[in-house]
Amino acid sequence: MEDITTKKGGLIYSDGGKCVVGIDSSSAEFTGAVPYGAERIEEEAFSCCAIKSISLPDSVTSVGANLFCNSTELQVVHLPSGLKELSPFMFCGCKSLTKVEMPSEVEDFAEGLFADCSSLTEIPFCNGVRTLPEGVFDGCSSVTTMIIPDSVTKICAGAIANCENLTTIVLPKNLFTLEENWLSSCPKLKHIRISDENEFFRTDEECQVLYRKSSGGIDTVLVRIENKDENSIPSLKDTVDENHSIISYDESEDESNEDVEIILSENEKNGVLVENELNTNEDLVSQSAAEPALGADTDEKSMDDRLAEILGQNKMYDEGNFSIMDIPEASEEEIENSKLESKGGEEEYSHAPVLQIEVPAEPEGSMEDRLKEIMGQEENVAGFSIFDIPVASDAEIEANKILEGEGGELVEADPESVEDEDDDVPVPVAPEASGDKMFMQNLMFETSKVEQQNSGIVGDEHRMLFVFAENLVETELGKKFSKRLVKCCQRLAKIHGLTVIYFLHNVRLDNEKFANQFADFMKDKDVVIACEGGNLLDISDRTKIIAEKVGVSLRKEDLENEVKIASDPSVPCVKLIIQDNLSD
């Protein structure tokens, strides 16, 4: 006898209105609430529907398979209190499902019950569940913690799989059976726990290893959490392939490396530069060593050319600008030849920050006299040092003074507001600073420790490498950037023609305006982040923020690709994150 169906309230019924077959597509009356009286909901009755909330009445005692399957817009479901058995794949593919009001007690969960419920953050366990069948939680990618009730005694193969954000599993104390491959593809899992009262299984103290207990022999390892390697950050000790890696570091290279000068700047908490020191490091050639010292054979260059070369005006800097940053670094011999004597007879240096000033276009006297005046040296004295440059006058400093504007933003004084003290003597007036120069000044003040290294590479393009180190190494001379990190970045500089390297520690980004400046400036700059942790899952919040601002991807695939291409000189922009082994 053919089953007669009827339509009512937007639903299709059979068996005299006791069984709901599905939704009437020709009607828009059904809003999600099934009327009381229905006793069974047929399989696939609400599959692939566009309704966001569905409620089944307490009169319903049985439901068919795939009941809500692939209803991707379904968010909330209310099940009747008298329902004892849940059907297979009941919520499979409900990607928007966030809440299920379950009966207080069911006989068991069914196969594939919550498969691919990617928005479900908590599993709605209930009393009576004894078995977790195959695929029951496959693809529950939003679940982070899974506490399985003590009523469960068996977990089947494939029950917990592809839970991408699952970090902790608490197993029931009454667990008796664990099938092979019950757990798979949970890359962020960190801990598996089980009650000490369980007679058959245990975990180690770190909750990293799950064992099956043995009555007389050695306990059997069932699960060992080893996801670290899958999301590992390249280490400075690692090699990418059999060739020499940009990330690797060979201590034997130390013997053949030349010493260079490094000027270190350390900011105290009040944001004022208070410390500068000279140090040495390997594998860089100082710019001053690459050029003939004053007093050497300079017949091929006129004195005008030599002055312009010292001031960096014919290279990569704006014409007419003069800055301490433009001066080639001095060698140890040059520094020794040009030390200044203090009043007490002891050696003394001035390391205060030097503000940028403009060199007068037509200085009084000959070019030779001007050069001697800048260098503070007699005619027959050889050597050149940046510390020989005369201290700027009050008028020059005033012309280029950096002021603090509204909101803590650093701005330059208006050059037109500077008045000449003497009409007969032209006062140098600094041109308007570029945005990049202003940002660099801000960056130095917002960073607790900065180390600058000039690579010695001369080119038409002024290309900088910014290195953000999470930690420093304790040495006899204080906290330093690790040797391995410095070596790695020096190698990068040579490959990519980087002219200067800035090592930075503890950049403060709590100021929103500066943080926005920071992100905008760094988007097209070469960057290396050196973090302490060796795994993407364990990196600090500070490192995550830095990575976001500078454009370093934390995706495993991108990370591996950046390491592979780091040794390619044609790469327009280096963006790396590496683990610093903090070896000095």
Protein backbone atom coordinates (compact mmCIF):
# COMPACT_ATOMS: atom_id res chain seq x y z
CA MET A 1 0.00 0.00 0.00
CA GLU A 2 1.41 3.33 -1.06
CA ASP A 3 2.29 5.67 1.79
CA ILE A 4 0.21 8.84 1.56
CA THR A 5 2.02 12.12 2.32
CA THR A 6 0.48 15.38 3.41
CA LYS A 7 1.77 18.92 3.61
CA LYS A 8 1.20 21.17 6.57
CA GLY A 9 2.95 24.21 8.03
CA GLY A 10 5.76 24.00 5.50
CA LEU A 11 6.55 20.33 6.32
CA ILE A 12 5.79 17.09 4.53
CA TYR A 13 4.31 14.30 6.70
CA SER A 14 3.58 10.61 6.31
CA ASP A 15 1.98 7.90 8.47
CA GLY A 16 -0.95 10.09 9.31
CA GLY A 17 1.17 13.01 10.42
CA LYS A 18 3.34 11.01 12.84
CA CYS A 19 6.47 11.03 10.63
CA VAL A 20 8.17 14.13 9.21
CA VAL A 21 9.55 13.37 5.76
CA GLY A 22 11.07 16.75 4.92
CA ILE A 23 10.53 20.43 4.22
CA ASP A 24 7.94 21.57 1.68
CA SER A 25 10.05 23.55 -0.82
CA SER A 26 6.92 25.19 -2.26
CA SER A 27 6.10 26.81 1.08
CA ALA A 28 7.88 29.30 3.32
CA GLU A 29 5.81 28.54 6.41
CA PHE A 30 8.34 26.35 8.24
CA THR A 31 10.48 28.54 10.49
CA GLY A 32 12.39 25.81 12.32
CA ALA A 33 10.03 24.52 15.03
CA VAL A 34 8.48 21.10 14.37
CA PRO A 35 4.97 20.95 15.90
CA TYR A 36 4.27 18.56 18.77
CA GLY A 37 2.75 15.25 17.71
CA ALA A 38 5.39 13.98 15.33
CA GLU A 39 7.02 10.78 16.64
CA ARG A 40 9.73 10.18 14.04
CA ILE A 41 11.86 12.34 11.76
CA GLU A 42 12.81 10.50 8.57
CA GLU A 43 16.45 10.35 7.32
CA GLU A 44 17.76 13.45 5.51
CA ALA A 45 14.55 15.30 6.41
CA PHE A 46 16.48 18.52 7.11
CA SER A 47 19.63 17.90 5.07
CA CYS A 48 20.99 20.75 2.93
CA CYS A 49 18.41 23.18 4.34
CA ALA A 50 19.00 26.92 4.77
CA ILE A 51 17.38 27.24 8.20
CA LYS A 52 19.61 28.51 11.05
CA SER A 53 17.74 26.97 14.02
CA ILE A 54 15.69 23.79 14.31
CA SER A 55 13.80 22.48 17.35
CA LEU A 56 12.31 18.97 17.61
CA PRO A 57 9.40 18.38 20.02
CA ASP A 58 9.54 15.99 22.97
CA SER A 59 7.05 13.73 21.17
CA VAL A 60 9.85 12.60 18.81
CA THR A 61 11.51 9.35 19.90
CA SER A 62 13.54 8.36 16.79
CA VAL A 63 15.43 10.06 13.96
CA GLY A 64 16.93 8.84 10.68
CA ALA A 65 20.52 8.98 9.40
CA ASN A 66 22.00 12.16 7.90
CA LEU A 67 19.17 14.12 9.50
CA PHE A 68 20.80 17.58 9.28
CA CYS A 69 23.66 16.57 6.95
CA ASN A 70 25.32 19.43 5.00
CA SER A 71 22.98 22.12 6.31
CA THR A 72 25.82 24.64 6.24
CA GLU A 73 23.79 27.54 7.67
CA LEU A 74 22.38 25.60 10.62
CA GLN A 75 23.67 27.05 13.91
CA VAL A 76 21.47 25.75 16.76
CA VAL A 77 19.58 22.48 17.22
CA HIS A 78 17.28 21.43 20.08
CA LEU A 79 16.77 17.67 20.45
CA PRO A 80 13.87 16.13 22.38
CA SER A 81 14.46 14.96 25.94
CA GLY A 82 13.08 11.47 25.20
CA LEU A 83 15.41 10.71 22.31
CA LYS A 84 17.70 7.80 23.32
CA GLU A 85 19.52 7.00 20.10
CA LEU A 86 21.32 9.44 17.80
CA SER A 87 21.61 8.56 14.11
CA PRO A 88 24.83 8.16 12.03
CA PHE A 89 26.19 11.35 10.41
CA MET A 90 23.36 13.27 12.03
CA PHE A 91 25.20 16.64 11.97
CA CYS A 92 27.84 15.80 9.37
CA GLY A 93 28.90 18.85 7.36
CA CYS A 94 27.02 21.39 9.51
CA LYS A 95 29.90 23.87 9.29
CA SER A 96 28.08 26.68 11.12
CA LEU A 97 26.77 24.57 14.00
CA THR A 98 27.73 26.09 17.36
CA LYS A 99 25.19 24.62 19.84
CA VAL A 100 23.30 21.36 20.29
CA GLU A 101 20.87 20.95 23.18
CA MET A 102 21.21 17.22 23.79
CA PRO A 103 18.92 14.82 25.66
CA SER A 104 20.04 14.22 29.24
CA GLU A 105 20.87 10.60 28.43
CA VAL A 106 21.51 8.65 25.22
CA GLU A 107 22.60 5.08 24.60
CA ASP A 108 25.60 5.99 22.46
CA PHE A 109 27.10 8.40 19.97
CA ALA A 110 26.81 7.29 16.32
CA GLU A 111 29.41 7.05 13.56
CA GLY A 112 30.34 10.42 12.01
CA LEU A 113 27.92 12.21 14.37
CA PHE A 114 29.78 15.56 14.40
CA ALA A 115 32.02 15.06 11.36
CA ASP A 116 33.14 18.37 9.82
CA CYS A 117 31.31 20.51 12.36
CA SER A 118 34.11 23.05 12.06
CA SER A 119 32.44 25.80 14.15
CA LEU A 120 31.59 23.63 17.13
CA THR A 121 33.86 24.70 20.01
CA GLU A 122 32.61 22.25 22.67
CA ILE A 123 31.44 18.66 22.30
CA PRO A 124 27.96 18.27 23.85
CA PHE A 125 28.61 15.03 25.71
CA CYS A 126 25.80 13.50 27.74
CA ASN A 127 25.30 10.63 30.16
CA GLY A 128 25.21 7.08 28.86
CA VAL A 129 27.79 7.38 26.08
CA ARG A 130 29.98 4.28 26.20
CA THR A 131 31.64 4.26 22.77
CA LEU A 132 33.20 6.89 20.52
CA PRO A 133 32.78 5.36 17.04
CA GLU A 134 34.71 5.95 13.85
CA GLY A 135 34.71 9.55 12.58
CA VAL A 136 32.56 10.86 15.41
CA PHE A 137 34.70 14.01 15.83
CA ASP A 138 36.51 14.01 12.49
CA GLY A 139 37.09 17.61 11.36
CA CYS A 140 35.96 19.39 14.54
CA SER A 141 38.61 22.02 13.91
CA SER A 142 37.39 24.60 16.46
CA VAL A 143 37.56 22.29 19.47
CA THR A 144 40.61 23.07 21.62
CA THR A 145 39.95 20.88 24.69
CA MET A 146 38.16 17.54 24.75
CA ILE A 147 37.17 16.11 28.15
CA ILE A 148 35.68 12.68 27.51
CA PRO A 149 33.19 11.56 30.21
CA ASP A 150 34.09 8.64 32.46
CA SER A 151 31.21 6.59 31.06
CA VAL A 152 33.19 6.02 27.83
CA THR A 153 35.02 2.68 27.81
CA LYS A 154 35.97 2.37 24.12
CA ILE A 155 37.40 4.73 21.49
CA CYS A 156 37.38 3.39 17.93
CA ALA A 157 39.79 3.95 15.05
CA GLY A 158 39.48 7.42 13.49
CA ALA A 159 37.21 8.73 16.24
CA ILE A 160 39.33 11.85 16.82
CA ALA A 161 40.92 13.09 13.61
CA ASN A 162 41.70 16.35 11.82
CA CYS A 163 40.98 18.45 14.88
CA GLU A 164 43.42 21.18 13.85
CA ASN A 165 43.24 23.25 17.04
CA LEU A 166 42.89 20.50 19.63
CA THR A 167 45.56 21.01 22.30
CA THR A 168 44.38 18.83 25.23
CA ILE A 169 42.59 15.50 25.56
CA VAL A 170 41.42 14.16 28.94
CA LEU A 171 40.68 10.45 28.70
CA PRO A 172 38.05 8.75 30.92
CA LYS A 173 39.13 6.85 34.00
CA ASN A 174 37.04 3.82 32.91
CA LEU A 175 38.66 3.57 29.46
CA PHE A 176 39.25 -0.07 28.55
CA THR A 177 39.79 -0.20 24.76
CA LEU A 178 41.79 2.07 22.46
CA GLU A 179 41.78 0.96 18.84
CA GLU A 180 44.75 1.63 16.59
CA ASN A 181 44.72 5.08 14.95
CA TRP A 182 42.03 6.36 17.29
CA LEU A 183 43.86 9.70 17.17
CA SER A 184 45.30 11.30 14.03
CA SER A 185 46.10 14.65 12.38
CA CYS A 186 45.80 16.84 15.45
CA PRO A 187 48.90 19.03 14.87
CA LYS A 188 48.54 21.31 17.91
CA LEU A 189 48.02 18.58 20.50
CA LYS A 190 50.24 19.21 23.51
CA HIS A 191 48.83 17.11 26.35
CA ILE A 192 47.06 13.79 26.86
CA ARG A 193 45.84 13.19 30.40
CA ILE A 194 44.18 10.27 32.14
CA SER A 195 43.20 9.60 35.75
CA ASP A 196 45.64 7.69 37.92
CA GLU A 197 42.70 5.45 38.77
CA ASN A 198 42.64 3.96 35.29
CA GLU A 199 43.85 0.34 35.43
CA PHE A 200 44.97 0.02 31.80
CA PHE A 201 46.56 3.30 30.67
CA ARG A 202 48.84 5.99 32.04
CA THR A 203 50.74 9.07 30.86
CA ASP A 204 54.17 10.41 31.76
CA GLU A 205 54.62 13.42 34.05
CA GLU A 206 54.70 15.85 31.11
CA CYS A 207 51.50 14.32 29.63
CA GLN A 208 53.36 13.86 26.35
CA VAL A 209 53.35 10.04 26.20
CA LEU A 210 50.40 7.64 26.60
CA TYR A 211 51.27 4.11 27.73
CA ARG A 212 49.36 0.85 27.95
CA LYS A 213 50.18 -0.61 31.33
CA SER A 214 51.84 -4.02 31.56
CA SER A 215 51.33 -6.33 34.50
CA GLY A 216 54.84 -7.69 34.46
CA GLY A 217 56.91 -6.24 31.63
CA ILE A 218 57.58 -2.83 30.11
CA ASP A 219 54.63 -0.48 29.45
CA THR A 220 53.82 -0.06 25.77
CA VAL A 221 53.93 3.40 24.17
CA LEU A 222 50.65 4.11 22.35
CA VAL A 223 50.95 7.84 21.63
CA ARG A 224 53.98 10.09 21.75
CA ILE A 225 53.34 13.75 20.99
CA GLU A 226 55.95 14.72 18.44
CA ASN A 227 54.27 17.55 16.60
CA LYS A 228 57.17 19.91 17.33
CA ASP A 229 59.07 18.95 14.20
CA GLU A 230 56.02 19.43 11.99
CA ASN A 231 55.82 23.12 12.92
CA SER A 232 59.44 23.77 13.76
CA ILE A 233 61.13 27.08 13.08
CA PRO A 234 64.48 26.82 11.22
CA SER A 235 67.35 26.88 13.68
CA LEU A 236 70.64 28.65 13.24
CA LYS A 237 72.21 25.20 13.59
CA ASP A 238 70.12 23.66 10.82
CA THR A 239 70.99 23.08 7.19
CA VAL A 240 68.31 23.16 4.54
CA ASP A 241 70.10 20.80 2.17
CA GLU A 242 73.51 19.32 1.57
CA ASN A 243 74.79 22.71 0.39
CA HIS A 244 75.88 25.41 2.80
CA SER A 245 72.75 26.96 4.26
CA ILE A 246 72.17 30.63 4.94
CA ILE A 247 70.76 29.58 8.30
CA SER A 248 73.64 27.34 9.33
CA TYR A 249 76.72 28.57 11.15
CA ASP A 250 80.22 27.14 10.99
CA GLU A 251 82.46 28.00 13.95
CA SER A 252 85.55 27.30 11.82
CA GLU A 253 84.85 30.47 9.87
CA ASP A 254 85.81 32.52 12.93
CA GLU A 255 89.52 32.01 12.39
CA SER A 256 89.60 33.77 9.03
CA ASN A 257 87.27 36.65 9.77
CA GLU A 258 88.37 40.22 10.21
CA ASP A 259 87.38 42.41 13.13
CA VAL A 260 85.16 45.40 12.51
CA GLU A 261 83.80 48.27 14.51
CA ILE A 262 80.24 48.25 15.79
CA ILE A 263 78.59 51.21 17.45
CA LEU A 264 76.09 50.05 20.06
CA SER A 265 73.28 52.21 21.39
CA GLU A 266 71.24 51.24 24.44
CA ASN A 267 68.08 53.13 25.42
CA GLU A 268 66.95 53.34 29.00
CA LYS A 269 63.27 53.15 29.86
CA ASN A 270 62.87 56.90 29.58
CA GLY A 271 63.61 56.68 25.85
CA VAL A 272 66.87 58.66 25.94
CA LEU A 273 70.01 57.36 24.30
CA VAL A 274 72.45 57.03 27.19
CA GLU A 275 75.04 54.47 26.18
CA ASN A 276 77.27 53.98 23.16
CA GLU A 277 80.16 51.57 23.12
CA LEU A 278 82.68 50.21 20.67
CA ASN A 279 82.83 46.49 20.10
CA THR A 280 84.25 44.08 17.56
CA ASN A 281 82.65 41.34 15.55
CA GLU A 282 83.51 38.98 12.73
CA ASP A 283 83.02 38.83 8.99
CA LEU A 284 82.38 42.51 8.23
CA VAL A 285 84.85 44.82 6.52
CA SER A 286 84.68 48.36 7.84
CA GLN A 287 83.99 51.02 5.30
CA SER A 288 86.95 53.07 6.41
CA ALA A 289 89.29 50.15 5.80
CA ALA A 290 88.00 49.88 2.25
CA GLU A 291 89.14 53.44 1.47
CA PRO A 292 92.63 54.97 1.69
CA ALA A 293 93.39 56.69 4.98
CA LEU A 294 94.18 60.36 4.96
CA GLY A 295 97.88 60.70 4.46
CA ALA A 296 98.03 57.77 2.04
CA ASP A 297 98.46 58.20 -1.68
CA THR A 298 95.57 60.44 -2.75
CA ASP A 299 96.95 61.80 -6.01
CA GLU A 300 94.10 60.29 -7.99
CA LYS A 301 91.50 62.23 -6.01
CA SER A 302 91.30 65.95 -5.49
CA MET A 303 90.73 67.34 -2.02
CA ASP A 304 87.23 68.35 -3.13
CA ASP A 305 86.48 64.77 -4.11
CA ARG A 306 87.90 63.46 -0.87
CA LEU A 307 85.73 65.77 1.23
CA ALA A 308 82.64 64.85 -0.76
CA GLU A 309 83.51 61.19 -0.33
CA ILE A 310 83.92 61.53 3.44
CA LEU A 311 80.62 63.33 3.72
CA GLY A 312 78.93 60.68 1.58
CA GLN A 313 77.45 63.33 -0.73
CA ASN A 314 78.22 61.56 -4.00
CA LYS A 315 76.78 58.24 -2.90
CA MET A 316 73.40 57.32 -1.52
CA TYR A 317 72.60 60.34 0.60
CA ASP A 318 70.69 63.50 -0.21
CA GLU A 319 72.86 66.17 -1.75
CA GLY A 320 74.00 68.77 0.76
CA ASN A 321 73.09 66.72 3.86
CA PHE A 322 75.68 65.93 6.47
CA SER A 323 75.10 63.36 9.18
CA ILE A 324 77.22 61.29 11.48
CA MET A 325 75.52 58.28 9.90
CA ASP A 326 77.11 59.23 6.56
CA ILE A 327 80.68 59.00 7.82
CA PRO A 328 82.60 55.76 7.10
CA GLU A 329 83.37 53.80 10.26
CA ALA A 330 86.90 54.30 11.56
CA SER A 331 89.41 51.50 11.96
CA GLU A 332 91.05 50.80 15.33
CA GLU A 333 94.27 52.38 14.10
CA GLU A 334 92.48 55.54 13.04
CA ILE A 335 90.72 55.81 16.38
CA GLU A 336 94.00 55.30 18.21
CA ASN A 337 95.68 58.07 16.17
CA SER A 338 92.91 60.55 16.84
CA LYS A 339 92.01 60.08 20.50
CA LEU A 340 91.10 63.27 22.33
CA GLU A 341 92.67 64.10 25.64
CA SER A 342 90.52 65.22 28.54
CA LYS A 343 91.50 67.90 30.99
CA GLY A 344 92.60 65.26 33.42
CA GLY A 345 94.91 63.71 30.89
CA GLU A 346 92.82 60.55 30.45
CA GLU A 347 91.27 59.49 27.16
CA GLU A 348 87.74 60.67 26.73
CA TYR A 349 85.19 60.38 23.93
CA SER A 350 81.96 62.11 23.21
CA HIS A 351 79.29 59.59 22.25
CA ALA A 352 76.24 61.82 22.40
CA PRO A 353 73.85 61.53 19.45
CA VAL A 354 74.82 63.99 16.70
CA LEU A 355 71.97 65.74 14.95
CA GLN A 356 71.99 66.11 11.22
CA ILE A 357 73.13 69.53 9.93
CA GLU A 358 73.68 71.01 6.53
CA VAL A 359 77.19 71.67 5.26
CA PRO A 360 77.45 75.28 4.00
CA ALA A 361 77.60 75.39 0.22
CA GLU A 362 80.45 77.93 0.22
CA PRO A 363 82.52 77.64 3.41
CA GLU A 364 85.06 80.29 4.17
CA GLY A 365 88.63 79.42 3.28
CA SER A 366 89.90 76.79 0.89
CA MET A 367 88.53 73.29 0.60
CA GLU A 368 91.76 72.02 2.15
CA ASP A 369 91.23 74.24 5.21
CA ARG A 370 87.63 73.08 5.52
CA LEU A 371 88.70 69.46 5.46
CA LYS A 372 91.30 70.06 8.17
CA GLU A 373 88.75 71.93 10.23
CA ILE A 374 86.25 69.05 10.04
CA MET A 375 88.88 66.52 10.94
CA GLY A 376 90.49 68.66 13.62
CA GLN A 377 93.94 67.62 12.45
CA GLU A 378 97.15 69.34 11.53
CA GLU A 379 98.45 69.22 7.98
CA ASN A 380 100.87 66.35 8.53
CA VAL A 381 98.69 64.22 10.79
CA ALA A 382 97.29 61.09 9.09
CA GLY A 383 94.14 59.19 10.07
CA PHE A 384 90.48 59.99 10.20
CA SER A 385 87.88 59.37 12.86
CA ILE A 386 84.22 60.23 13.20
CA PHE A 387 85.04 61.49 16.69
CA ASP A 388 87.15 64.29 15.16
CA ILE A 389 84.14 66.10 13.74
CA PRO A 390 83.56 69.43 15.55
CA VAL A 391 80.53 69.57 17.81
CA ALA A 392 77.65 71.42 16.17
CA SER A 393 77.01 74.96 17.25
CA ASP A 394 73.87 75.95 19.14
CA ALA A 395 72.50 77.55 15.98
CA GLU A 396 73.10 74.40 13.95
CA ILE A 397 71.43 72.22 16.56
CA GLU A 398 68.50 74.61 16.80
CA ALA A 399 68.14 74.50 13.01
CA ASN A 400 67.66 70.75 13.05
CA LYS A 401 66.13 70.16 16.48
CA ILE A 402 63.77 67.22 16.79
CA LEU A 403 60.65 68.10 18.74
CA GLU A 404 57.93 65.98 20.27
CA GLY A 405 54.55 66.74 18.79
CA GLU A 406 51.02 65.80 19.76
CA GLY A 407 50.50 62.20 20.75
CA GLY A 408 54.21 61.62 21.27
CA GLU A 409 54.96 61.90 17.53
CA LEU A 410 58.46 63.12 16.72
CA VAL A 411 58.61 66.00 14.26
CA GLU A 412 61.30 68.36 12.98
CA ALA A 413 61.40 72.02 13.79
CA ASP A 414 60.36 74.42 11.04
CA PRO A 415 63.59 75.60 9.37
CA GLU A 416 62.06 79.02 8.67
CA SER A 417 61.62 79.62 12.40
CA VAL A 418 65.41 79.64 12.95
CA GLU A 419 66.82 83.13 13.05
CA ASP A 420 70.40 84.07 12.16
CA GLU A 421 72.40 85.28 15.12
CA ASP A 422 74.72 87.18 12.83
CA ASP A 423 73.60 88.48 9.44
CA ASP A 424 77.16 88.24 8.16
CA VAL A 425 77.54 84.53 9.03
CA PRO A 426 75.18 82.14 7.25
CA VAL A 427 73.49 79.72 9.68
CA PRO A 428 73.17 76.19 8.27
CA VAL A 429 69.51 75.22 8.03
CA ALA A 430 68.56 71.54 7.70
CA PRO A 431 66.18 70.65 4.91
CA GLU A 432 62.86 69.05 5.81
CA ALA A 433 63.49 65.51 7.05
CA SER A 434 62.01 62.67 5.05
CA GLY A 435 59.46 60.32 6.58
CA ASP A 436 61.99 57.50 6.63
CA LYS A 437 64.52 59.54 8.60
CA MET A 438 61.88 60.58 11.11
CA PHE A 439 60.77 56.97 11.50
CA MET A 440 64.32 55.77 12.08
CA GLN A 441 64.72 58.36 14.82
CA ASN A 442 61.48 57.16 16.42
CA LEU A 443 62.55 53.53 16.10
CA MET A 444 65.81 54.14 17.95
CA PHE A 445 63.95 55.77 20.82
CA GLU A 446 61.36 52.98 20.98
CA THR A 447 63.95 50.18 21.12
CA SER A 448 65.77 49.14 24.29
CA LYS A 449 68.94 47.97 22.52
CA VAL A 450 70.20 48.70 19.01
CA GLU A 451 73.35 47.60 17.23
CA GLN A 452 74.24 48.92 13.80
CA GLN A 453 76.68 47.19 11.46
CA ASN A 454 77.81 48.57 8.11
CA SER A 455 78.43 45.69 5.73
CA GLY A 456 81.04 47.47 3.62
CA ILE A 457 78.98 46.87 0.49
CA VAL A 458 78.87 49.92 -1.79
CA GLY A 459 76.06 50.25 -4.28
CA ASP A 460 73.59 52.62 -5.80
CA GLU A 461 70.82 51.35 -3.53
CA HIS A 462 70.84 51.89 0.24
CA ARG A 463 69.30 48.59 1.41
CA MET A 464 68.85 47.85 5.11
CA LEU A 465 68.31 44.60 7.01
CA PHE A 466 66.31 44.81 10.24
CA VAL A 467 66.88 42.01 12.75
CA PHE A 468 64.46 41.68 15.68
CA ALA A 469 65.95 39.48 18.41
CA GLU A 470 63.72 38.16 21.17
CA ASN A 471 66.59 37.51 23.59
CA LEU A 472 70.19 38.51 24.19
CA VAL A 473 73.24 36.55 25.33
CA GLU A 474 74.83 37.24 28.70
CA THR A 475 78.55 37.84 28.25
CA GLU A 476 81.35 39.32 30.34
CA LEU A 477 80.79 42.58 28.48
CA GLY A 478 77.06 42.57 29.13
CA LYS A 479 74.11 41.45 27.03
CA LYS A 480 74.90 41.00 23.35
CA PHE A 481 73.25 39.73 20.21
CA SER A 482 74.28 36.11 19.70
CA LYS A 483 77.23 35.25 17.49
CA ARG A 484 75.20 32.79 15.45
CA LEU A 485 72.56 35.38 14.69
CA VAL A 486 75.15 37.98 13.68
CA LYS A 487 76.90 35.50 11.39
CA CYS A 488 73.67 34.49 9.70
CA CYS A 489 72.71 38.10 9.03
CA GLN A 490 76.17 38.99 7.78
CA ARG A 491 75.88 36.18 5.25
CA LEU A 492 72.49 37.48 4.17
CA ALA A 493 73.96 40.95 3.75
CA LYS A 494 76.66 39.66 1.41
CA ILE A 495 74.25 37.62 -0.69
CA HIS A 496 71.63 40.34 -1.12
CA GLY A 497 73.87 43.41 -1.21
CA LEU A 498 72.55 44.84 2.05
CA THR A 499 74.49 47.94 3.04
CA VAL A 500 73.62 48.12 6.74
CA ILE A 501 72.24 45.79 9.40
CA TYR A 502 70.22 46.96 12.40
CA PHE A 503 69.96 44.51 15.29
CA LEU A 504 67.07 45.47 17.60
CA HIS A 505 65.86 44.08 20.91
CA ASN A 506 62.56 44.85 22.62
CA VAL A 507 60.86 47.28 20.24
CA ARG A 508 57.94 48.93 22.01
CA LEU A 509 54.74 48.90 19.93
CA ASP A 510 52.20 49.93 22.56
CA ASN A 511 51.86 53.37 20.94
CA GLU A 512 49.28 52.96 18.19
CA LYS A 513 50.63 55.76 15.99
CA PHE A 514 54.15 54.41 16.12
CA ALA A 515 52.91 50.84 15.56
CA ASN A 516 51.16 51.99 12.37
CA GLN A 517 54.31 53.84 11.27
CA PHE A 518 56.30 50.73 12.03
CA ALA A 519 54.08 48.44 9.93
CA ASP A 520 54.04 50.84 6.98
CA PHE A 521 57.82 51.31 7.00
CA MET A 522 58.66 47.61 7.34
CA LYS A 523 56.33 46.23 4.67
CA ASP A 524 58.99 46.41 1.93
CA LYS A 525 62.12 46.06 4.11
CA ASP A 526 64.36 43.04 4.56
CA VAL A 527 63.58 41.50 7.94
CA VAL A 528 64.81 38.64 10.14
CA ILE A 529 63.00 37.70 13.35
CA ALA A 530 65.09 35.66 15.79
CA CYS A 531 62.82 34.00 18.34
CA GLU A 532 63.60 31.84 21.35
CA GLY A 533 61.08 29.07 20.71
CA GLY A 534 61.76 26.45 18.09
CA ASN A 535 58.14 25.81 17.22
CA LEU A 536 55.41 27.94 15.65
CA LEU A 537 53.00 26.79 18.33
CA ASP A 538 55.19 28.10 21.14
CA ILE A 539 56.31 31.51 19.91
CA SER A 540 55.57 34.44 22.20
CA ASP A 541 52.81 37.00 21.71
CA ARG A 542 55.46 39.70 21.23
CA THR A 543 57.00 37.76 18.36
CA LYS A 544 53.58 37.21 16.79
CA ILE A 545 52.92 40.97 16.90
CA ILE A 546 56.32 41.79 15.40
CA ALA A 547 55.78 39.19 12.66
CA GLU A 548 52.39 40.66 11.78
CA LYS A 549 53.73 44.20 11.62
CA VAL A 550 56.83 43.45 9.52
CA GLY A 551 55.12 41.05 7.12
CA VAL A 552 56.72 37.76 8.19
CA SER A 553 54.33 34.89 7.58
CA LEU A 554 53.84 32.31 10.36
CA ARG A 555 52.40 29.72 8.00
CA LYS A 556 54.55 26.61 7.87
CA GLU A 557 54.56 26.52 4.06
CA ASP A 558 55.64 30.17 3.75
CA LEU A 559 58.30 29.71 6.41
CA GLU A 560 59.88 26.79 4.56
CA ASN A 561 59.77 28.66 1.24
CA GLU A 562 61.45 31.77 2.69
CA VAL A 563 64.31 29.66 4.02
CA LYS A 564 64.77 27.99 0.64
CA ILE A 565 64.96 31.27 -1.27
CA ALA A 566 67.06 33.14 1.32
CA SER A 567 70.26 32.29 -0.55
CA ASP A 568 68.91 33.59 -3.87
CA PRO A 569 70.34 37.10 -4.51
CA SER A 570 67.51 37.91 -6.92
CA VAL A 571 64.90 37.84 -4.13
CA PRO A 572 63.65 41.43 -3.82
CA CYS A 573 62.83 41.26 -0.10
CA VAL A 574 63.92 38.84 2.63
CA LYS A 575 61.30 37.96 5.26
CA LEU A 576 62.58 35.28 7.66
CA ILE A 577 61.78 33.93 11.11
CA ILE A 578 64.43 31.69 12.66
CA GLN A 579 65.20 30.18 16.03
CA ASP A 580 68.21 31.77 17.68
CA ASN A 581 70.21 29.16 19.56
CA LEU A 582 71.67 31.99 21.69
CA SER A 583 75.18 30.68 21.23
CA ASP A 584 77.93 33.24 21.63
